[in-house]
Amino acid sequence: MVSRRKFTAEFKSKVALEALREERTLPELAARYDVHPNMIRTWKRQATDGMAGIFTGKGSKQGGSNEAETKDLHAKIGQLIVERDFLSKAFKR
C-alpha cells in the first residue's frame, strides 16, 4: 500500500508562486516537481484565495494573538503555582 506524500508549506508556496507567474505550464511544473497538475491547481487557488487576508491584516493579527495568548497562559500558570504552594503549606499545619 502506498502512503500519501506530505508537502511542506514552503514547497507548496514555491510551486504555487511559480504557477501564478505562468512562466511554465502546469504539466511542465508537475513534471519538474513530481506533483499532479490538479494538486498544483489547488495550491494556486488556495494561494490566491488567501492573498486577500494579507492585505486586510488578518495574517498579522494571528501572530499577535498567539503572543497575547501565551502571555495570558504564563500568567495563569504562575497564579496556579502560587495557589498550589499556598494550599500545600496550609494543609501541612
Foldseek 3Di string as FASTA:
>chain_A
DDDDDDDDPVVLVVLLVVVVVVPDDLVVSCVVVVHDSVSSVVSVVVCVVCVVCVVVVVVVVVVVVVVVVVVVVVVVVVVVVVVVVVVVVVVVD
